[in-house]
């Protein structure tokens, strides 16, 4: 299952990802990976959450991003949740790219029992009907 975490800049998308990753780890829901494009949140995450810096893997298009996600799933059978923050800072993912990656990931058997949360720089109004079920908009508090 893939979910896109949406919201305006400053709405709390990153905080939502961090809080949920930490809560999921504490509740014992399998291994958790947190992918970001810098190391700004290294001290905000529980030290047991696997922190991965995406810039180390030279992602440059939607296909390399898809391969990266599949690699994460392949590396750890017990990986239950993947949180991806700020990928839009290194990749320009269009709404069409989000549809493409959703369709590809849904066909991967190992993705069926996992949850993937991707922070993107869009609002719910920007999403086509085909992605609305995969979208969660975070509102500023």
C-alpha atoms as a PDB file:
ATOM      1  CA  UNK A   1       0.000   0.000   0.000  1.00  0.00           C
ATOM      2  CA  UNK A   2       1.343   3.388  -0.980  1.00  0.00           C
ATOM      3  CA  UNK A   3       0.162   6.668   0.537  1.00  0.00           C
ATOM      4  CA  UNK A   4       1.186  10.142  -0.521  1.00  0.00           C
ATOM      5  CA  UNK A   5       1.409  12.618   2.337  1.00  0.00           C
ATOM      6  CA  UNK A   6       0.240  15.950   0.975  1.00  0.00           C
ATOM      7  CA  UNK A   7       0.160  19.487   2.275  1.00  0.00           C
ATOM      8  CA  UNK A   8       1.394  23.006   1.816  1.00  0.00           C
ATOM      9  CA  UNK A   9       4.932  23.931   2.810  1.00  0.00           C
ATOM     10  CA  UNK A  10       5.036  24.193   6.591  1.00  0.00           C
ATOM     11  CA  UNK A  11       1.885  22.138   7.113  1.00  0.00           C
ATOM     12  CA  UNK A  12       3.649  19.458   9.151  1.00  0.00           C
ATOM     13  CA  UNK A  13       4.192  16.671   6.615  1.00  0.00           C
ATOM     14  CA  UNK A  14       7.684  15.878   7.902  1.00  0.00           C
ATOM     15  CA  UNK A  15       6.539  15.973  11.525  1.00  0.00           C
ATOM     16  CA  UNK A  16       3.682  13.595  10.607  1.00  0.00           C
ATOM     17  CA  UNK A  17       6.156  11.147   9.040  1.00  0.00           C
ATOM     18  CA  UNK A  18       8.566  11.294  11.994  1.00  0.00           C
ATOM     19  CA  UNK A  19       5.820  10.930  14.612  1.00  0.00           C
ATOM     20  CA  UNK A  20       4.241   7.992  12.790  1.00  0.00           C
ATOM     21  CA  UNK A  21       7.575   6.241  12.176  1.00  0.00           C
ATOM     22  CA  UNK A  22       8.465   6.528  15.867  1.00  0.00           C
ATOM     23  CA  UNK A  23       4.998   5.376  16.989  1.00  0.00           C
ATOM     24  CA  UNK A  24       5.071   2.431  14.583  1.00  0.00           C
ATOM     25  CA  UNK A  25       8.439   1.314  15.867  1.00  0.00           C
ATOM     26  CA  UNK A  26       7.314   1.556  19.488  1.00  0.00           C
ATOM     27  CA  UNK A  27       4.179  -0.464  18.755  1.00  0.00           C
ATOM     28  CA  UNK A  28       6.314  -3.276  17.346  1.00  0.00           C
ATOM     29  CA  UNK A  29       5.003  -3.196  13.795  1.00  0.00           C
ATOM     30  CA  UNK A  30       8.093  -4.728  12.175  1.00  0.00           C
ATOM     31  CA  UNK A  31      11.141  -2.920  10.887  1.00  0.00           C
ATOM     32  CA  UNK A  32      10.790   0.706   9.839  1.00  0.00           C
ATOM     33  CA  UNK A  33      12.887   2.628   7.289  1.00  0.00           C
ATOM     34  CA  UNK A  34      12.935   6.414   7.073  1.00  0.00           C
ATOM     35  CA  UNK A  35      14.337   7.897   3.885  1.00  0.00           C
ATOM     36  CA  UNK A  36      15.264  11.565   3.672  1.00  0.00           C
ATOM     37  CA  UNK A  37      17.466  13.755   1.513  1.00  0.00           C
ATOM     38  CA  UNK A  38      19.545  15.209   4.321  1.00  0.00           C
ATOM     39  CA  UNK A  39      20.330  14.231   7.876  1.00  0.00           C
ATOM     40  CA  UNK A  40      18.307  16.978   9.551  1.00  0.00           C
ATOM     41  CA  UNK A  41      16.087  14.596  11.498  1.00  0.00           C
ATOM     42  CA  UNK A  42      18.656  12.115  12.722  1.00  0.00           C
ATOM     43  CA  UNK A  43      17.961  13.021  16.355  1.00  0.00           C
ATOM     44  CA  UNK A  44      14.164  13.159  15.953  1.00  0.00           C
ATOM     45  CA  UNK A  45      13.822   9.510  14.989  1.00  0.00           C
ATOM     46  CA  UNK A  46      14.063   6.575  17.355  1.00  0.00           C
ATOM     47  CA  UNK A  47      17.558   5.167  16.895  1.00  0.00           C
ATOM     48  CA  UNK A  48      16.049   1.792  15.928  1.00  0.00           C
ATOM     49  CA  UNK A  49      14.361   3.277  12.850  1.00  0.00           C
ATOM     50  CA  UNK A  50      16.658   2.696   9.879  1.00  0.00           C
ATOM     51  CA  UNK A  51      17.621   6.140   8.526  1.00  0.00           C
ATOM     52  CA  UNK A  52      18.649   6.257   4.867  1.00  0.00           C
ATOM     53  CA  UNK A  53      19.909   9.318   3.010  1.00  0.00           C
ATOM     54  CA  UNK A  54      18.496   9.093  -0.531  1.00  0.00           C
ATOM     55  CA  UNK A  55      21.116  11.445  -1.959  1.00  0.00           C
ATOM     56  CA  UNK A  56      23.730   8.724  -1.438  1.00  0.00           C
ATOM     57  CA  UNK A  57      22.009   6.701  -4.184  1.00  0.00           C
ATOM     58  CA  UNK A  58      21.981   9.309  -6.967  1.00  0.00           C
ATOM     59  CA  UNK A  59      18.285   9.083  -7.772  1.00  0.00           C
ATOM     60  CA  UNK A  60      17.565  11.066 -10.904  1.00  0.00           C
ATOM     61  CA  UNK A  61      14.196   9.960 -12.267  1.00  0.00           C
ATOM     62  CA  UNK A  62      11.024   8.073 -11.408  1.00  0.00           C
ATOM     63  CA  UNK A  63      12.500   4.735 -12.538  1.00  0.00           C
ATOM     64  CA  UNK A  64      15.532   5.027 -10.267  1.00  0.00           C
ATOM     65  CA  UNK A  65      13.183   5.988  -7.425  1.00  0.00           C
ATOM     66  CA  UNK A  66      11.043   2.918  -8.132  1.00  0.00           C
ATOM     67  CA  UNK A  67      14.150   0.728  -8.146  1.00  0.00           C
ATOM     68  CA  UNK A  68      15.290   2.289  -4.876  1.00  0.00           C
ATOM     69  CA  UNK A  69      11.961   1.464  -3.194  1.00  0.00           C
ATOM     70  CA  UNK A  70      12.091  -2.105  -4.521  1.00  0.00           C
ATOM     71  CA  UNK A  71      15.657  -2.419  -3.234  1.00  0.00           C
ATOM     72  CA  UNK A  72      14.523  -1.358   0.230  1.00  0.00           C
ATOM     73  CA  UNK A  73      11.802  -3.996   0.198  1.00  0.00           C
ATOM     74  CA  UNK A  74      14.233  -6.656  -1.046  1.00  0.00           C
ATOM     75  CA  UNK A  75      16.870  -5.903   1.594  1.00  0.00           C
ATOM     76  CA  UNK A  76      14.706  -6.756   4.585  1.00  0.00           C
ATOM     77  CA  UNK A  77      11.884  -9.290   4.669  1.00  0.00           C
ATOM     78  CA  UNK A  78      10.727  -7.820   7.997  1.00  0.00           C
ATOM     79  CA  UNK A  79      10.555  -4.254   6.666  1.00  0.00           C
ATOM     80  CA  UNK A  80       6.917  -3.299   7.208  1.00  0.00           C
ATOM     81  CA  UNK A  81       6.865   0.446   6.667  1.00  0.00           C
ATOM     82  CA  UNK A  82       8.860   2.885   4.595  1.00  0.00           C
ATOM     83  CA  UNK A  83       8.601   6.612   5.225  1.00  0.00           C
ATOM     84  CA  UNK A  84      10.059   8.861   2.523  1.00  0.00           C
ATOM     85  CA  UNK A  85      10.516  12.540   3.303  1.00  0.00           C
ATOM     86  CA  UNK A  86      11.396  15.408   0.991  1.00  0.00           C
ATOM     87  CA  UNK A  87      12.131  13.368  -2.119  1.00  0.00           C
ATOM     88  CA  UNK A  88      10.748  16.298  -4.129  1.00  0.00           C
ATOM     89  CA  UNK A  89      13.916  18.208  -3.163  1.00  0.00           C
ATOM     90  CA  UNK A  90      16.019  15.927  -5.385  1.00  0.00           C
ATOM     91  CA  UNK A  91      13.452  14.585  -7.879  1.00  0.00           C
ATOM     92  CA  UNK A  92      10.759  16.467  -9.703  1.00  0.00           C
ATOM     93  CA  UNK A  93       7.908  13.978  -9.511  1.00  0.00           C
ATOM     94  CA  UNK A  94       4.879  14.990 -11.522  1.00  0.00           C
ATOM     95  CA  UNK A  95       1.398  13.736 -10.704  1.00  0.00           C
ATOM     96  CA  UNK A  96       1.800  11.417 -13.704  1.00  0.00           C
ATOM     97  CA  UNK A  97       5.009  10.074 -12.129  1.00  0.00           C
ATOM     98  CA  UNK A  98       3.100   9.409  -8.899  1.00  0.00           C
ATOM     99  CA  UNK A  99       0.480   7.459 -10.857  1.00  0.00           C
ATOM    100  CA  UNK A 100       3.230   5.530 -12.661  1.00  0.00           C
ATOM    101  CA  UNK A 101       5.070   4.576  -9.484  1.00  0.00           C
ATOM    102  CA  UNK A 102       1.821   3.635  -7.721  1.00  0.00           C
ATOM    103  CA  UNK A 103       0.834   1.328 -10.580  1.00  0.00           C
ATOM    104  CA  UNK A 104       4.274  -0.311 -10.644  1.00  0.00           C
ATOM    105  CA  UNK A 105       4.555  -0.786  -6.880  1.00  0.00           C
ATOM    106  CA  UNK A 106       1.051  -2.253  -6.665  1.00  0.00           C
ATOM    107  CA  UNK A 107       2.227  -5.031  -9.015  1.00  0.00           C
ATOM    108  CA  UNK A 108       5.144  -5.988  -6.752  1.00  0.00           C
ATOM    109  CA  UNK A 109       4.070  -8.957  -4.649  1.00  0.00           C
ATOM    110  CA  UNK A 110       6.292  -7.968  -1.691  1.00  0.00           C
ATOM    111  CA  UNK A 111       4.616  -4.543  -1.521  1.00  0.00           C
ATOM    112  CA  UNK A 112       1.228  -6.030  -0.628  1.00  0.00           C
ATOM    113  CA  UNK A 113       2.104  -6.464   3.042  1.00  0.00           C
ATOM    114  CA  UNK A 114       3.977  -3.201   3.428  1.00  0.00           C
ATOM    115  CA  UNK A 115       3.084   0.420   3.844  1.00  0.00           C
ATOM    116  CA  UNK A 116       4.959   3.126   1.970  1.00  0.00           C
ATOM    117  CA  UNK A 117       4.418   6.780   2.866  1.00  0.00           C
ATOM    118  CA  UNK A 118       5.854   9.406   0.525  1.00  0.00           C
ATOM    119  CA  UNK A 119       5.857  13.100   1.358  1.00  0.00           C
ATOM    120  CA  UNK A 120       5.160  15.043  -1.841  1.00  0.00           C
ATOM    121  CA  UNK A 121       4.763  18.723  -2.515  1.00  0.00           C
ATOM    122  CA  UNK A 122       1.145  18.624  -3.678  1.00  0.00           C
ATOM    123  CA  UNK A 123      -2.297  19.319  -2.264  1.00  0.00           C
ATOM    124  CA  UNK A 124      -5.296  17.011  -2.451  1.00  0.00           C
ATOM    125  CA  UNK A 125      -6.831  19.260  -5.127  1.00  0.00           C
ATOM    126  CA  UNK A 126      -3.767  18.570  -7.321  1.00  0.00           C
ATOM    127  CA  UNK A 127      -4.333  14.813  -7.281  1.00  0.00           C
ATOM    128  CA  UNK A 128      -6.337  12.989  -9.953  1.00  0.00           C
ATOM    129  CA  UNK A 129      -9.216  10.744  -8.899  1.00  0.00           C
ATOM    130  CA  UNK A 130      -7.029   7.682  -9.462  1.00  0.00           C
ATOM    131  CA  UNK A 131      -4.720   8.781  -6.612  1.00  0.00           C
ATOM    132  CA  UNK A 132      -7.202  10.248  -4.122  1.00  0.00           C
ATOM    133  CA  UNK A 133      -7.456   6.909  -2.288  1.00  0.00           C
ATOM    134  CA  UNK A 134      -3.657   6.989  -1.971  1.00  0.00           C
ATOM    135  CA  UNK A 135      -3.544  10.522  -0.586  1.00  0.00           C
ATOM    136  CA  UNK A 136      -3.584  11.914   2.923  1.00  0.00           C
ATOM    137  CA  UNK A 137      -3.464  15.685   3.293  1.00  0.00           C
ATOM    138  CA  UNK A 138      -1.851  17.104   6.421  1.00  0.00           C
ATOM    139  CA  UNK A 139      -3.359  20.391   7.571  1.00  0.00           C
ATOM    140  CA  UNK A 140      -1.388  22.982   9.574  1.00  0.00           C
ATOM    141  CA  UNK A 141      -2.101  22.876  13.287  1.00  0.00           C
END
